[in-house]
Structures are given as structure tokens and as C-alpha cells.
């Protein structure tokens, strides 16, 4: 396996990081024609199960400078269905928008009692120009998640990556001063390396449970090779219901990059 990895070594190191928020491209409607809008300052981006009666998401809707519309509003859909309902009018740009779970459900003919964990709502902007409706390419997906339980985010885990070729036990502990910062020990060890550095530092964003990974050296040397400083970085998502981390790690050494690999880090208990 080590030989396979070395053959895949890429000389130039390039990392591309992504946020937990996803953009949905919908074939319905005319998009991106004199209607460039975007979302920013999303906080929070998720709905918390058990608090849906009071839950909300908030964000800013932006438009190109000087853009004018006959009408502009937010539409909402549920769980990827094609049914989209008008939810909230937009009167100016930029505009801060707060949408409660009750409002989103009501617009779709639902109640909060109908909403389940792992459901998601998609919010998009529609504008009217010259009598035609255009839908922006940007969309905000807001998931329904379990409340964050710091005890569920740590403990004994199994890390699996088919692409990198590892399957073994790692340990996750929490920063005593920040329950949303966790330390992963054992990723280099399950790869047969002497893990004399680390641990890997990961930050869970409480706004959306996205995970950001500090670029961290885990092993000073790579056994049987002339390479040094086995390093992990990356991003991912934390599942607050199961304690599972779905990650993409960029793995490098001093000579360059092996590429990026998907990892599932799942609790053992």
C-alpha cells in the first residue's frame, strides 16, 4: 500500500477547502440572467431538533450593485422536492433575513411536528425582471440536526478510508477550554507510521457543524521512504446525532502531496 501511495505523490501542493453549506442547481426556472444574488453572514445555518418551535436561520441576501427588480423574494423547498413555495419578500439589498422553522414549515403546508431529524430546507431567491421570473444559482441548505452533545463528539473511534487504504482505531479528545475543538490521535499510527507529532486539531463550527482541520504534522518520517513531515489538513462535517465525522483530508509530505481522500470516523460505542 505504501508503494501505491508514493506512486501517486503530486509535486505541487494545492488545497481546496469548502464550507458545509451546499449550492443546489435546480433545472426549473431561468437562472443567473440579470439576477446575480448571493447569501452571506449565515448564522445559524441549521435547525436544532427539539427546539424547532423557537428555531431559526439567519443570513444576508446580496445583489449586484445597481440591480433593480420588479419583485424579489425567498422561496423554500423541503428535502429536495421540486415544490417551491414563496416564503418572504425582499425589499432591498443587502437585506438581513431571519426565517423560523415555523415559517418554513407553514409555507409548505406543514407543521413543526412534521419535521424530522436529517430533513433539510433549501432557500433560494427568485426575482422578477421584465415580467419573467429568474432564480439565482445560489441556494442555502439548512439541515435539521440533533443538539450538540460534547460527550458524543469524543471517545474511541474507527477511521476508515478506502482511497488511502486504512481502517483502524483512533482516539478523539476535547479541548478542555473549548468543547467544539477536538484532537484526533492515531491517524498516522493506523497507517503504520510512528506518530511522534500531532494530534490532529479539528474545529466543529457551532453555526452549521462543519469541521475545519488545522494543517498538522502527524509523523516526522515516513517509514521506508526519504520523505518527512507526514501532514494532514482538510474539512468535513460532524453528525451531531451519531457522533460521526465525514472528512476529506489532504495528505502531504515535505516533497509534495498525495492528494485528498475521504475518511469516515465513526464511534465505536
Protein backbone atom coordinates (compact mmCIF):
# COMPACT_ATOMS: atom_id res chain seq x y z
CA UNK A 1 0.00 0.00 0.00
CA UNK A 2 2.83 2.37 0.78
CA UNK A 3 4.27 1.87 -2.73
CA UNK A 4 0.90 2.72 -4.24
CA UNK A 5 0.74 5.93 -2.25
CA UNK A 6 4.23 7.02 -3.25
CA UNK A 7 3.48 6.50 -6.93
CA UNK A 8 0.57 8.88 -6.51
CA UNK A 9 2.63 11.66 -4.98
CA UNK A 10 1.88 15.03 -6.56
CA UNK A 11 4.75 17.52 -6.62
CA UNK A 12 2.69 20.68 -6.17
CA UNK A 13 0.61 21.04 -3.01
CA UNK A 14 -2.77 22.63 -3.58
CA UNK A 15 -5.58 22.50 -1.02
CA UNK A 16 -9.16 23.47 -1.84
CA UNK A 17 -11.45 23.87 1.13
CA UNK A 18 -15.25 24.01 1.07
CA UNK A 19 -17.92 25.03 3.59
CA UNK A 20 -20.74 22.80 4.90
CA UNK A 21 -23.25 24.95 3.09
CA UNK A 22 -24.12 23.50 -0.30
CA UNK A 23 -25.35 25.06 -3.52
CA UNK A 24 -28.26 23.33 -5.24
CA UNK A 25 -28.64 23.68 -9.00
CA UNK A 26 -32.29 23.36 -9.95
CA UNK A 27 -33.24 22.90 -13.62
CA UNK A 28 -36.57 24.67 -13.04
CA UNK A 29 -36.66 28.33 -13.81
CA UNK A 30 -34.32 30.71 -15.61
CA UNK A 31 -31.16 31.37 -13.64
CA UNK A 32 -28.36 33.85 -13.46
CA UNK A 33 -29.71 36.24 -16.10
CA UNK A 34 -29.50 39.80 -14.71
CA UNK A 35 -30.26 38.19 -11.34
CA UNK A 36 -26.99 37.57 -9.59
CA UNK A 37 -27.78 37.20 -5.89
CA UNK A 38 -25.87 35.54 -3.09
CA UNK A 39 -26.07 34.58 0.58
CA UNK A 40 -23.59 35.69 3.23
CA UNK A 41 -23.25 36.01 7.02
CA UNK A 42 -25.19 32.80 7.64
CA UNK A 43 -25.67 32.40 11.39
CA UNK A 44 -27.08 29.99 12.30
CA UNK A 45 -27.36 27.73 9.25
CA UNK A 46 -29.12 24.79 10.91
CA UNK A 47 -32.31 23.94 12.77
CA UNK A 48 -31.93 22.07 16.07
CA UNK A 49 -34.31 19.19 16.74
CA UNK A 50 -36.18 19.68 19.99
CA UNK A 51 -36.07 23.46 19.62
CA UNK A 52 -37.93 23.85 16.34
CA UNK A 53 -40.72 25.99 17.82
CA UNK A 54 -38.12 28.68 18.52
CA UNK A 55 -35.56 27.70 15.88
CA UNK A 56 -34.47 29.95 13.05
CA UNK A 57 -31.80 30.52 10.44
CA UNK A 58 -30.48 33.95 9.54
CA UNK A 59 -28.50 35.26 6.59
CA UNK A 60 -27.92 38.27 4.35
CA UNK A 61 -29.12 38.32 0.75
CA UNK A 62 -26.92 40.35 -1.59
CA UNK A 63 -27.43 41.53 -5.18
CA UNK A 64 -25.20 43.14 -7.77
CA UNK A 65 -24.77 46.86 -7.25
CA UNK A 66 -27.38 48.80 -9.16
CA UNK A 67 -29.59 45.78 -9.85
CA UNK A 68 -33.31 46.53 -9.91
CA UNK A 69 -36.14 44.02 -9.78
CA UNK A 70 -39.90 44.28 -10.19
CA UNK A 71 -40.23 41.73 -7.42
CA UNK A 72 -37.83 39.75 -5.24
CA UNK A 73 -38.49 37.10 -2.61
CA UNK A 74 -37.25 33.93 -0.91
CA UNK A 75 -38.69 30.53 -1.87
CA UNK A 76 -38.38 27.36 0.19
CA UNK A 77 -38.44 23.64 -0.61
CA UNK A 78 -38.19 20.58 1.61
CA UNK A 79 -35.98 17.50 1.27
CA UNK A 80 -35.04 18.17 -2.34
CA UNK A 81 -38.57 18.15 -3.75
CA UNK A 82 -39.46 20.31 -6.75
CA UNK A 83 -42.27 22.01 -4.81
CA UNK A 84 -41.13 25.55 -4.02
CA UNK A 85 -43.23 28.00 -2.06
CA UNK A 86 -42.93 31.75 -1.72
CA UNK A 87 -41.76 32.48 1.81
CA UNK A 88 -40.51 36.02 2.41
CA UNK A 89 -40.37 39.23 0.36
CA UNK A 90 -37.14 41.13 -0.22
CA UNK A 91 -37.41 44.92 -0.30
CA UNK A 92 -33.76 45.98 -0.64
CA UNK A 93 -30.21 44.66 -0.93
CA UNK A 94 -28.31 43.73 1.05
CA UNK A 95 -31.09 42.52 3.33
CA UNK A 96 -30.82 40.51 6.53
CA UNK A 97 -33.36 37.69 6.52
CA UNK A 98 -34.49 35.65 9.53
CA UNK A 99 -36.59 32.57 8.82
CA UNK A 100 -38.08 30.47 11.59
CA UNK A 101 -38.73 26.75 11.33
CA UNK A 102 -42.41 27.51 11.89
CA UNK A 103 -42.46 29.91 8.91
CA UNK A 104 -40.69 27.43 6.62
CA UNK A 105 -42.99 24.59 7.60
CA UNK A 106 -46.16 26.69 7.31
CA UNK A 107 -45.24 27.89 3.81
CA UNK A 108 -45.04 24.26 2.72
CA UNK A 109 -48.31 23.25 4.36
CA UNK A 110 -46.55 21.50 7.24
CA UNK A 111 -46.19 21.95 10.98
CA UNK A 112 -43.01 21.63 13.02
CA UNK A 113 -44.36 18.29 14.23
CA UNK A 114 -43.93 17.01 10.65
CA UNK A 115 -40.21 17.92 10.60
CA UNK A 116 -37.75 15.13 11.39
CA UNK A 117 -34.04 14.92 12.10
CA UNK A 118 -31.99 14.85 8.86
CA UNK A 119 -34.72 16.72 6.97
CA UNK A 120 -33.49 19.82 5.19
CA UNK A 121 -34.88 23.02 3.75
CA UNK A 122 -33.49 24.79 0.68
CA UNK A 123 -33.85 28.57 0.49
CA UNK A 124 -33.44 30.34 -2.88
CA UNK A 125 -34.01 33.82 -4.28
CA UNK A 126 -36.44 34.49 -7.11
CA UNK A 127 -36.65 37.86 -8.86
CA UNK A 128 -38.97 39.26 -11.50
CA UNK A 129 -37.47 41.21 -14.39
CA UNK A 130 -39.45 42.26 -17.44
CA UNK A 131 -42.33 40.10 -16.40
CA UNK A 132 -40.16 36.95 -16.20
CA UNK A 133 -39.13 35.05 -13.09
CA UNK A 134 -35.44 34.27 -12.62
CA UNK A 135 -33.95 32.08 -9.93
CA UNK A 136 -30.44 32.68 -8.69
CA UNK A 137 -27.83 29.94 -8.78
CA UNK A 138 -27.04 30.38 -5.10
CA UNK A 139 -29.02 28.38 -2.56
CA UNK A 140 -28.78 27.83 1.18
CA UNK A 141 -29.42 24.34 2.52
CA UNK A 142 -30.39 24.23 6.19
CA UNK A 143 -30.42 20.83 7.85
CA UNK A 144 -32.36 19.65 10.88
CA UNK A 145 -29.79 18.26 13.32
CA UNK A 146 -29.58 16.89 16.83
CA UNK A 147 -28.41 19.20 19.63
CA UNK A 148 -24.66 19.20 20.13
CA UNK A 149 -23.61 16.76 22.85
CA UNK A 150 -19.91 17.20 23.67
CA UNK A 151 -19.69 13.67 25.11
CA UNK A 152 -20.84 12.24 21.76
CA UNK A 153 -18.07 14.04 19.86
CA UNK A 154 -15.21 12.30 21.68
CA UNK A 155 -14.07 8.79 22.60
CA UNK A 156 -12.92 5.67 20.78
CA UNK A 157 -13.44 5.83 17.01
CA UNK A 158 -12.66 3.80 13.90
CA UNK A 159 -11.23 5.73 10.93
CA UNK A 160 -11.83 4.19 7.51
CA UNK A 161 -10.63 5.38 4.10
CA UNK A 162 -10.82 3.14 1.04
CA UNK A 163 -8.86 5.62 -1.05
CA UNK A 164 -6.00 5.95 1.43
CA UNK A 165 -6.25 2.29 2.42
CA UNK A 166 -6.59 2.49 6.20
CA UNK A 167 -9.02 1.04 8.72
CA UNK A 168 -8.14 1.32 12.39
CA UNK A 169 -8.85 2.78 15.78
CA UNK A 170 -8.21 6.39 16.69
CA UNK A 171 -8.97 8.40 19.81
CA UNK A 172 -10.72 11.78 19.90
CA UNK A 173 -10.46 14.08 22.90
CA UNK A 174 -11.80 17.59 23.50
CA UNK A 175 -10.01 20.82 24.25
CA UNK A 176 -10.79 21.46 27.95
CA UNK A 177 -11.39 25.13 27.16
CA UNK A 178 -13.49 24.65 24.01
CA UNK A 179 -15.87 21.72 23.54
CA UNK A 180 -16.07 22.43 19.79
CA UNK A 181 -12.33 21.83 19.33
CA UNK A 182 -11.26 18.17 19.28
CA UNK A 183 -7.96 16.34 18.93
CA UNK A 184 -7.57 13.17 16.85
CA UNK A 185 -4.74 10.79 17.74
CA UNK A 186 -3.82 7.67 15.75
CA UNK A 187 -4.35 8.55 12.09
CA UNK A 188 -0.67 8.10 11.26
CA UNK A 189 -0.35 5.07 13.54
CA UNK A 190 -3.10 3.11 11.73
CA UNK A 191 -1.07 3.76 8.56
CA UNK A 192 1.93 2.01 10.12
CA UNK A 193 3.82 5.20 10.94
CA UNK A 194 5.50 6.32 14.15
CA UNK A 195 3.07 9.06 15.18
CA UNK A 196 5.52 11.23 17.08
CA UNK A 197 3.75 14.50 16.27
CA UNK A 198 0.16 15.73 16.35
CA UNK A 199 -2.56 15.27 17.42
CA UNK A 200 -4.69 16.49 14.53
CA UNK A 201 -6.74 19.54 15.57
CA UNK A 202 -10.32 19.81 14.26
CA UNK A 203 -12.81 22.61 14.89
CA UNK A 204 -16.58 21.98 14.82
CA UNK A 205 -18.43 25.13 13.75
CA UNK A 206 -21.46 25.51 16.08
CA UNK A 207 -23.27 27.52 13.38
CA UNK A 208 -23.53 24.59 10.95
CA UNK A 209 -21.44 21.66 12.35
CA UNK A 210 -18.94 21.99 9.52
CA UNK A 211 -15.47 20.81 10.53
CA UNK A 212 -12.26 22.69 9.75
CA UNK A 213 -8.91 20.94 10.20
CA UNK A 214 -5.67 22.65 11.18
CA UNK A 215 -2.76 21.68 8.95
CA UNK A 216 -0.84 19.39 11.30
CA UNK A 217 2.31 17.26 11.07
CA UNK A 218 1.49 13.80 12.48
CA UNK A 219 4.76 11.93 11.85
CA UNK A 220 8.28 13.25 11.41
CA UNK A 221 9.26 10.48 8.98
CA UNK A 222 7.53 8.13 6.54
CA UNK A 223 8.86 4.62 7.08
CA UNK A 224 10.86 3.12 4.23
CA UNK A 225 10.96 6.37 2.24
CA UNK A 226 13.10 9.52 2.11
CA UNK A 227 10.05 11.64 2.97
CA UNK A 228 9.43 13.63 6.13
CA UNK A 229 6.61 15.52 7.86
CA UNK A 230 3.52 13.45 7.12
CA UNK A 231 0.87 16.16 7.32
CA UNK A 232 -2.94 16.20 7.35
CA UNK A 233 -5.30 19.12 6.66
CA UNK A 234 -8.85 19.33 5.34
CA UNK A 235 -12.51 19.84 6.09
CA UNK A 236 -15.69 17.88 6.70
CA UNK A 237 -18.95 17.62 8.56
CA UNK A 238 -19.94 16.42 12.02
CA UNK A 239 -23.16 14.41 12.53
CA UNK A 240 -24.47 15.50 15.92
CA UNK A 241 -26.93 12.58 16.07
CA UNK A 242 -24.38 9.76 15.68
CA UNK A 243 -21.08 11.43 16.55
CA UNK A 244 -19.69 10.53 13.12
CA UNK A 245 -17.19 12.72 11.25
CA UNK A 246 -17.28 12.67 7.43
CA UNK A 247 -13.95 14.16 6.41
CA UNK A 248 -11.78 14.92 3.41
CA UNK A 249 -8.10 15.00 4.33
CA UNK A 250 -5.33 16.43 2.14
CA UNK A 251 -2.23 14.36 2.94
CA UNK A 252 1.25 15.68 2.22
CA UNK A 253 4.92 15.21 2.99
CA UNK A 254 7.84 17.58 2.58
CA UNK A 255 8.23 16.59 -1.08
CA UNK A 256 4.62 17.25 -2.11
CA UNK A 257 1.04 16.00 -1.95
CA UNK A 258 -0.54 12.56 -2.18
CA UNK A 259 -3.92 14.19 -2.86
CA UNK A 260 -7.16 14.34 -0.92
CA UNK A 261 -9.01 11.34 0.50
CA UNK A 262 -12.43 10.71 2.05
CA UNK A 263 -12.44 9.41 5.62
CA UNK A 264 -15.31 8.23 7.80
CA UNK A 265 -14.51 8.45 11.51
CA UNK A 266 -17.22 6.57 13.39
CA UNK A 267 -17.73 5.99 17.11
CA UNK A 268 -17.02 2.51 18.46
CA UNK A 269 -19.70 2.70 21.15
